[in-house]
Protein backbone atom coordinates (compact mmCIF):
# COMPACT_ATOMS: atom_id res chain seq x y z
CA MET A 1 2.36 -8.72 13.53
CA ARG A 2 -0.22 -6.86 11.33
CA PHE A 3 0.21 -5.92 7.44
CA ILE A 4 -2.02 -3.83 5.60
CA ILE A 5 -1.06 -4.39 2.43
CA PRO A 6 -3.90 -6.08 0.54
CA LEU A 7 -2.86 -9.09 -1.55
CA PHE A 8 -5.92 -9.52 -4.14
CA ALA A 9 -4.01 -8.44 -7.07
CA PHE A 10 -1.35 -10.80 -6.50
CA LEU A 11 -3.12 -13.64 -5.72
CA GLY A 12 -5.20 -13.86 -8.98
CA LEU A 13 -7.73 -10.87 -9.19
CA ASP A 14 -7.90 -10.08 -12.70
CA THR A 15 -9.73 -7.46 -14.45
CA ALA A 16 -11.42 -7.98 -17.32
CA VAL A 17 -9.46 -7.20 -20.71
CA ARG A 18 -10.42 -5.76 -24.24
CA GLY A 19 -9.25 -6.72 -27.56
CA ALA A 20 -10.00 -10.36 -29.12
CA GLU A 21 -7.38 -12.63 -30.80
CA PRO A 22 -5.15 -11.03 -33.15
CA ARG A 23 -5.53 -12.12 -36.84
CA ALA A 24 -2.60 -13.77 -38.29
CA GLY A 25 -0.05 -11.97 -39.30
CA ALA A 26 -1.41 -8.62 -37.64
CA PRO A 27 0.50 -6.76 -35.35
CA GLU A 28 -1.12 -7.25 -31.69
CA THR A 29 -2.27 -4.61 -29.35
CA LEU A 30 -1.69 -3.35 -26.03
CA ALA A 31 -4.92 -5.10 -24.79
CA GLN A 32 -3.72 -8.48 -26.24
CA GLU A 33 -0.37 -8.09 -24.95
CA TYR A 34 -1.52 -7.40 -22.05
CA GLN A 35 -3.72 -10.52 -22.25
CA LYS A 36 -1.44 -13.01 -22.74
CA VAL A 37 1.08 -11.51 -19.50
CA LEU A 38 -1.89 -11.48 -17.23
CA LYS A 39 -2.89 -15.37 -18.14
CA GLU A 40 1.01 -16.06 -17.59
CA SER A 41 0.81 -14.64 -14.35
CA GLY A 42 -2.11 -16.64 -13.73
CA GLN A 43 -0.17 -19.79 -14.39
CA VAL A 44 2.19 -19.32 -12.00
CA ARG A 45 2.34 -22.52 -10.11
CA PRO A 46 3.33 -22.50 -7.03
CA GLY A 47 1.64 -19.56 -6.46
CA PHE A 48 2.56 -17.51 -2.62
CA ARG A 49 -0.41 -18.92 -1.12
CA ASP A 50 -0.47 -21.91 -2.21
CA ALA A 51 3.22 -22.48 -1.67
CA LYS A 52 4.72 -25.16 0.77
CA THR A 53 8.51 -24.86 1.44
CA ASP A 54 10.68 -21.19 1.96
CA GLU A 55 11.77 -21.66 -1.20
CA GLU A 56 8.38 -22.16 -3.43
CA ARG A 57 7.57 -18.95 -1.09
CA LYS A 58 10.65 -17.21 -2.46
CA GLN A 59 10.18 -18.17 -6.08
CA ALA A 60 7.15 -17.03 -6.11
CA VAL A 61 7.44 -13.42 -5.27
CA GLU A 62 10.53 -13.35 -7.58
CA ALA A 63 8.00 -14.50 -9.75
CA THR A 64 5.80 -11.90 -8.96
CA GLY A 65 8.35 -9.36 -9.08
CA GLU A 66 9.31 -10.37 -12.89
CA PHE A 67 5.33 -9.27 -14.11
CA ALA A 68 5.42 -6.22 -12.36
CA ARG A 69 8.54 -5.29 -14.32
CA ARG A 70 6.56 -6.89 -17.74
CA PHE A 71 3.90 -4.37 -17.16
CA VAL A 72 5.66 -1.56 -16.77
CA LYS A 73 7.51 -2.25 -20.12
CA LEU A 74 4.37 -2.79 -21.78
CA ALA A 75 2.82 0.93 -20.92
CA GLU A 76 6.23 1.87 -21.87
CA LYS A 77 5.71 0.16 -25.38
CA TYR A 78 2.29 1.66 -26.04
CA PRO A 79 2.42 5.08 -24.25
CA ASN A 80 -0.84 6.24 -26.17
CA ASP A 81 -2.86 3.86 -25.88
CA PRO A 82 -6.19 3.90 -23.83
CA MET A 83 -5.42 1.17 -21.78
CA ALA A 84 -1.99 2.45 -21.08
CA LEU A 85 -2.91 3.79 -17.45
CA GLU A 86 -4.53 0.77 -16.31
CA VAL A 87 -1.76 -1.51 -17.56
CA VAL A 88 1.02 0.95 -14.94
CA THR A 89 -1.87 0.52 -12.63
CA ARG A 90 -1.44 -3.30 -12.54
CA ALA A 91 2.21 -2.79 -12.06
CA VAL A 92 1.50 -0.98 -9.16
CA THR A 93 -0.94 -3.32 -7.59
CA THR A 94 1.67 -5.92 -8.51
CA MET A 95 4.21 -4.45 -6.82
CA ASN A 96 2.12 -3.90 -3.72
CA GLY A 97 1.64 -7.83 -3.53
CA GLU A 98 4.98 -8.44 -4.21
CA ASP A 99 6.18 -6.50 -1.15
CA SER A 100 2.96 -8.24 0.87
CA ALA A 101 4.66 -11.26 0.49
CA ILE A 102 8.16 -10.50 1.39
CA THR A 103 6.93 -9.44 4.86
CA MET A 104 4.16 -12.29 5.17
CA SER A 105 7.51 -14.58 3.97
CA TRP A 106 8.90 -12.96 7.39
CA VAL A 107 6.46 -14.86 9.87
CA MET A 108 6.15 -18.30 7.59
CA ASN A 109 9.56 -18.54 6.59
CA LYS A 110 12.62 -20.26 8.58
CA SER A 111 15.53 -20.05 6.02
CA VAL A 112 15.03 -18.65 2.69
CA PHE A 113 13.74 -14.93 2.34
CA PRO A 114 12.53 -13.62 -0.67
CA SER A 115 14.26 -9.94 -1.04
CA ARG A 116 12.81 -7.26 -3.63
CA SER A 117 13.73 -6.73 -7.23
CA GLU A 118 16.07 -3.97 -8.27
CA ASP A 119 14.87 -3.77 -11.28
CA GLY A 120 13.45 0.00 -10.90
CA ALA A 121 9.78 -1.07 -12.25
CA ALA A 122 8.32 1.75 -9.21
CA ALA A 123 10.94 4.52 -10.62
CA GLU A 124 10.17 3.28 -14.46
CA ALA A 125 6.20 3.30 -13.35
CA THR A 126 6.26 6.99 -12.13
CA ALA A 127 8.24 8.48 -14.52
CA LEU A 128 5.71 6.94 -17.36
CA LEU A 129 2.64 8.44 -14.72
CA VAL A 130 4.72 12.11 -14.73
CA ARG A 131 4.77 11.97 -18.52
CA ASP A 132 1.85 10.62 -19.69
CA HIS A 133 -1.12 11.06 -16.99
CA LEU A 134 -0.14 13.51 -14.37
CA ARG A 135 -2.58 15.60 -15.54
CA SER A 136 -5.68 12.89 -16.10
CA GLU A 137 -8.95 12.73 -14.57
CA LYS A 138 -8.96 9.02 -14.23
CA LEU A 139 -5.34 9.20 -12.48
CA GLY A 140 -7.06 8.53 -8.81
CA VAL A 141 -7.36 4.95 -9.62
CA VAL A 142 -3.35 4.18 -9.37
CA VAL A 143 -3.38 6.89 -6.54
CA GLU A 144 -5.23 4.85 -4.52
CA ARG A 145 -3.70 1.54 -5.11
CA MET A 146 -0.61 3.47 -3.73
CA ARG A 147 -1.46 4.00 -0.35
CA TYR A 148 -1.10 0.32 0.49
CA GLY A 149 2.63 0.49 -0.92
CA THR A 150 5.73 1.18 0.26
CA ARG A 151 7.77 2.38 -2.43
CA GLN A 152 9.54 5.88 -1.77
CA GLU A 153 8.72 6.52 -5.26
CA TYR A 154 4.99 6.62 -4.38
CA GLU A 155 5.88 8.92 -2.08
CA THR A 156 7.75 11.55 -4.34
CA PHE A 157 4.94 11.07 -7.23
CA LEU A 158 1.88 11.36 -4.71
CA HIS A 159 3.49 14.85 -3.82
CA ARG A 160 3.66 15.39 -7.23
CA VAL A 161 -0.05 14.36 -7.79
CA ILE A 162 -0.77 17.53 -4.85
CA LYS A 163 1.06 20.30 -6.45
CA ASP A 164 0.21 19.64 -10.69
CA SER A 165 -3.27 17.96 -10.98
CA PRO A 166 -5.63 20.42 -11.97
CA HIS A 167 -8.23 17.81 -11.24
CA LYS A 168 -9.61 18.56 -7.49
CA GLU A 169 -10.85 15.33 -6.79
CA VAL A 170 -7.33 13.37 -8.03
CA ARG A 171 -5.29 15.77 -5.46
CA GLY A 172 -8.11 15.08 -2.62
CA MET A 173 -6.98 11.68 -3.14
CA ALA A 174 -3.37 11.77 -3.39
CA CYS A 175 -3.79 14.00 0.04
CA LEU A 176 -5.28 11.39 1.41
CA CYS A 177 -3.67 8.34 0.66
CA LEU A 178 -0.16 9.70 0.89
CA ALA A 179 -0.90 10.65 4.38
CA GLN A 180 -2.13 6.90 4.87
CA PHE A 181 1.37 5.76 2.82
CA LEU A 182 3.15 7.44 5.47
CA ASN A 183 1.02 6.77 8.72
CA SER A 184 2.06 2.70 7.62
CA GLN A 185 5.62 2.91 6.78
CA SER A 186 5.70 4.84 10.21
CA LYS A 187 3.95 1.82 12.07
CA ARG A 188 6.74 -0.58 10.48
CA LEU A 189 9.14 1.34 12.55
CA ASP A 190 7.30 1.74 14.99
CA LEU A 191 7.43 -1.82 15.60
CA LEU A 192 11.22 -2.48 15.58
CA ASP A 193 10.57 -1.00 19.00
CA VAL A 194 9.45 -4.52 19.89
CA ARG A 195 10.87 -6.37 17.37
CA PRO A 196 14.23 -4.80 16.58
CA GLU A 197 15.44 -7.85 14.68
CA LEU A 198 13.03 -6.86 11.91
CA ALA A 199 15.47 -3.78 11.32
CA ILE A 200 17.88 -5.61 8.91
CA ARG A 201 14.28 -6.33 6.86
CA TYR A 202 13.20 -3.28 6.64
CA GLN A 203 15.83 -1.94 5.72
CA GLU A 204 15.58 -4.13 2.28
CA LEU A 205 12.47 -3.68 1.77
CA LEU A 206 11.90 -0.01 1.83
CA GLY A 207 15.64 0.72 0.79
CA LYS A 208 18.12 1.81 2.58
CA ASP A 209 18.26 5.71 2.41
CA TYR A 210 14.34 5.77 2.30
CA TYR A 211 14.81 3.78 5.39
CA GLU A 212 17.17 5.84 7.16
CA ARG A 213 15.42 9.35 5.93
CA LEU A 214 12.19 8.01 7.86
CA GLN A 215 14.22 7.27 11.21
CA ARG A 216 15.99 10.60 11.12
CA LYS A 217 12.81 12.56 10.76
CA GLY A 218 11.88 10.58 14.56
CA ARG A 219 8.57 8.87 15.60
CA ASP A 220 7.18 13.03 15.74
CA GLY A 221 8.85 14.58 13.26
CA ARG A 222 6.55 11.68 10.77
CA ILE A 223 3.23 12.06 12.78
CA LYS A 224 3.45 15.75 12.07
CA GLU A 225 3.78 15.01 8.75
CA ILE A 226 1.09 12.81 8.34
CA GLU A 227 -1.81 14.93 10.35
CA THR A 228 -0.57 17.77 8.17
CA LEU A 229 -0.79 16.45 5.55
CA LEU A 230 -4.20 14.75 7.28
CA GLU A 231 -5.58 18.19 8.21
CA GLN A 232 -5.31 19.18 4.75
CA ALA A 233 -7.31 16.48 3.04
CA ALA A 234 -10.32 17.51 5.39
CA ALA A 235 -10.39 21.07 4.83
CA LYS A 236 -9.49 21.17 1.21
CA TYR A 237 -11.24 18.51 0.18
CA GLY A 238 -13.31 16.41 2.43
CA ASP A 239 -16.23 16.41 0.17
CA VAL A 240 -14.10 13.85 -2.94
CA ALA A 241 -15.20 10.84 -2.89
CA MET A 242 -13.03 7.89 -2.68
CA PRO A 243 -13.91 4.36 -4.14
CA TRP A 244 -14.73 2.86 -0.13
CA GLY A 245 -14.18 3.73 3.08
CA GLY A 246 -16.27 6.87 2.98
CA PRO A 247 -15.31 10.89 1.21
CA VAL A 248 -11.69 12.41 1.91
CA GLY A 249 -13.11 14.32 5.10
CA GLU A 250 -14.78 11.67 6.88
CA GLN A 251 -11.56 9.15 6.39
CA ALA A 252 -9.18 12.28 7.02
CA SER A 253 -11.20 13.48 10.55
CA ARG A 254 -11.36 9.80 11.24
CA GLU A 255 -7.91 8.76 11.35
CA LEU A 256 -6.68 12.04 12.80
CA PHE A 257 -8.76 11.05 15.81
CA GLU A 258 -6.72 7.88 15.82
CA LEU A 259 -3.65 9.59 15.54
CA ARG A 260 -4.40 11.77 18.86
CA HIS A 261 -6.31 9.87 20.86
CA PHE A 262 -4.90 6.42 19.75
CA GLY A 263 -1.35 6.20 19.12
CA VAL A 264 1.73 4.69 20.53
CA GLY A 265 2.32 6.77 23.77
CA LYS A 266 -0.92 8.29 24.07
CA PRO A 267 -3.32 7.51 27.38
CA ALA A 268 -5.85 5.16 26.45
CA GLU A 269 -9.12 6.77 26.93
CA ASP A 270 -11.25 5.74 30.08
CA ILE A 271 -13.78 3.30 30.37
CA LEU A 272 -16.76 2.96 32.71
CA GLY A 273 -18.98 0.28 33.08
CA ASP A 274 -19.88 -2.76 35.12
CA ASP A 275 -17.48 -5.88 34.94
CA GLN A 276 -18.78 -9.58 34.47
CA ASP A 277 -19.72 -9.84 38.19
CA GLY A 278 -22.17 -6.30 37.46
CA LYS A 279 -19.44 -4.32 39.84
CA PRO A 280 -18.40 -0.72 38.65
CA PHE A 281 -14.87 -0.26 37.16
CA LYS A 282 -12.79 2.44 35.27
CA LEU A 283 -10.45 1.60 33.65
CA SER A 284 -8.25 4.15 35.43
CA ASP A 285 -7.99 2.24 38.33
CA TYR A 286 -5.52 -0.29 36.37
CA ARG A 287 -2.64 2.98 35.88
CA GLY A 288 0.34 1.37 36.07
CA LYS A 289 -0.67 -2.37 35.78
CA VAL A 290 -0.67 -4.39 32.17
CA VAL A 291 -4.00 -4.35 31.15
CA LEU A 292 -5.38 -6.93 28.10
CA LEU A 293 -8.93 -5.13 26.49
CA TYR A 294 -10.60 -7.97 25.36
CA PHE A 295 -14.13 -6.48 23.15
CA TRP A 296 -16.63 -9.01 22.22
CA SER A 297 -20.13 -9.41 21.59
CA GLU A 298 -23.21 -12.13 20.27
CA TYR A 299 -25.17 -11.69 18.05
């Protein structure tokens, strides 16, 4: 089972937080409150990685959801603080970590499985982003985080950014990240062909309404939507830089090629070469048979 949502934030990678300890009697700042919550989140034990039992993993996931909510509330409390966007970004990253840990627990746990919190944190976070930061040139950092998520609110928000951001760089990142986000959801649904028992779990993770909407599109409909976004990203925003993986155009072109040539149900590209005994072979000679391709190299 392949999960692409990274766990680095959930497992404790914290950014430096500005601000000193408050003077006695002085009101706290966002930086100071944020620092406290970050410290508390790093002290939860056991964390998901350290958990030994199903129940411990469930508790670790639930704790993560609580901290995501607290980050959102902090950003809501200090809407005009320059750090507010960073705090909302932390909330999004933490929610991604919660969802990633939930899917990992499907493999690791045998009796007790965590569920995603139903506290509306994603809806509140994206509402704050629209209200306070939609026109910010710094919005790309949270846009980039959303491509690793699972929440319907991210899709809605990324569409809004593409439509209304005044900055080409932000729109370009949102266009590519939305395509990547939707591609991840489509791959999850493709997995149900071989793991149908996961259907109920994906309904819980994505939400019943969102799950059913994605299913109604069908695989062809989902892939067409993704291709359209990737084509738009390559044509309109090809030179926009991404934090990693190359510029938008390069990533979009690469993913388009993979969708069109290496997707589920596509015929494999033919391979010509010599086998381990030096005899020539073609992959197409094995059409209709089960074939295991094993790629390796020596350094």
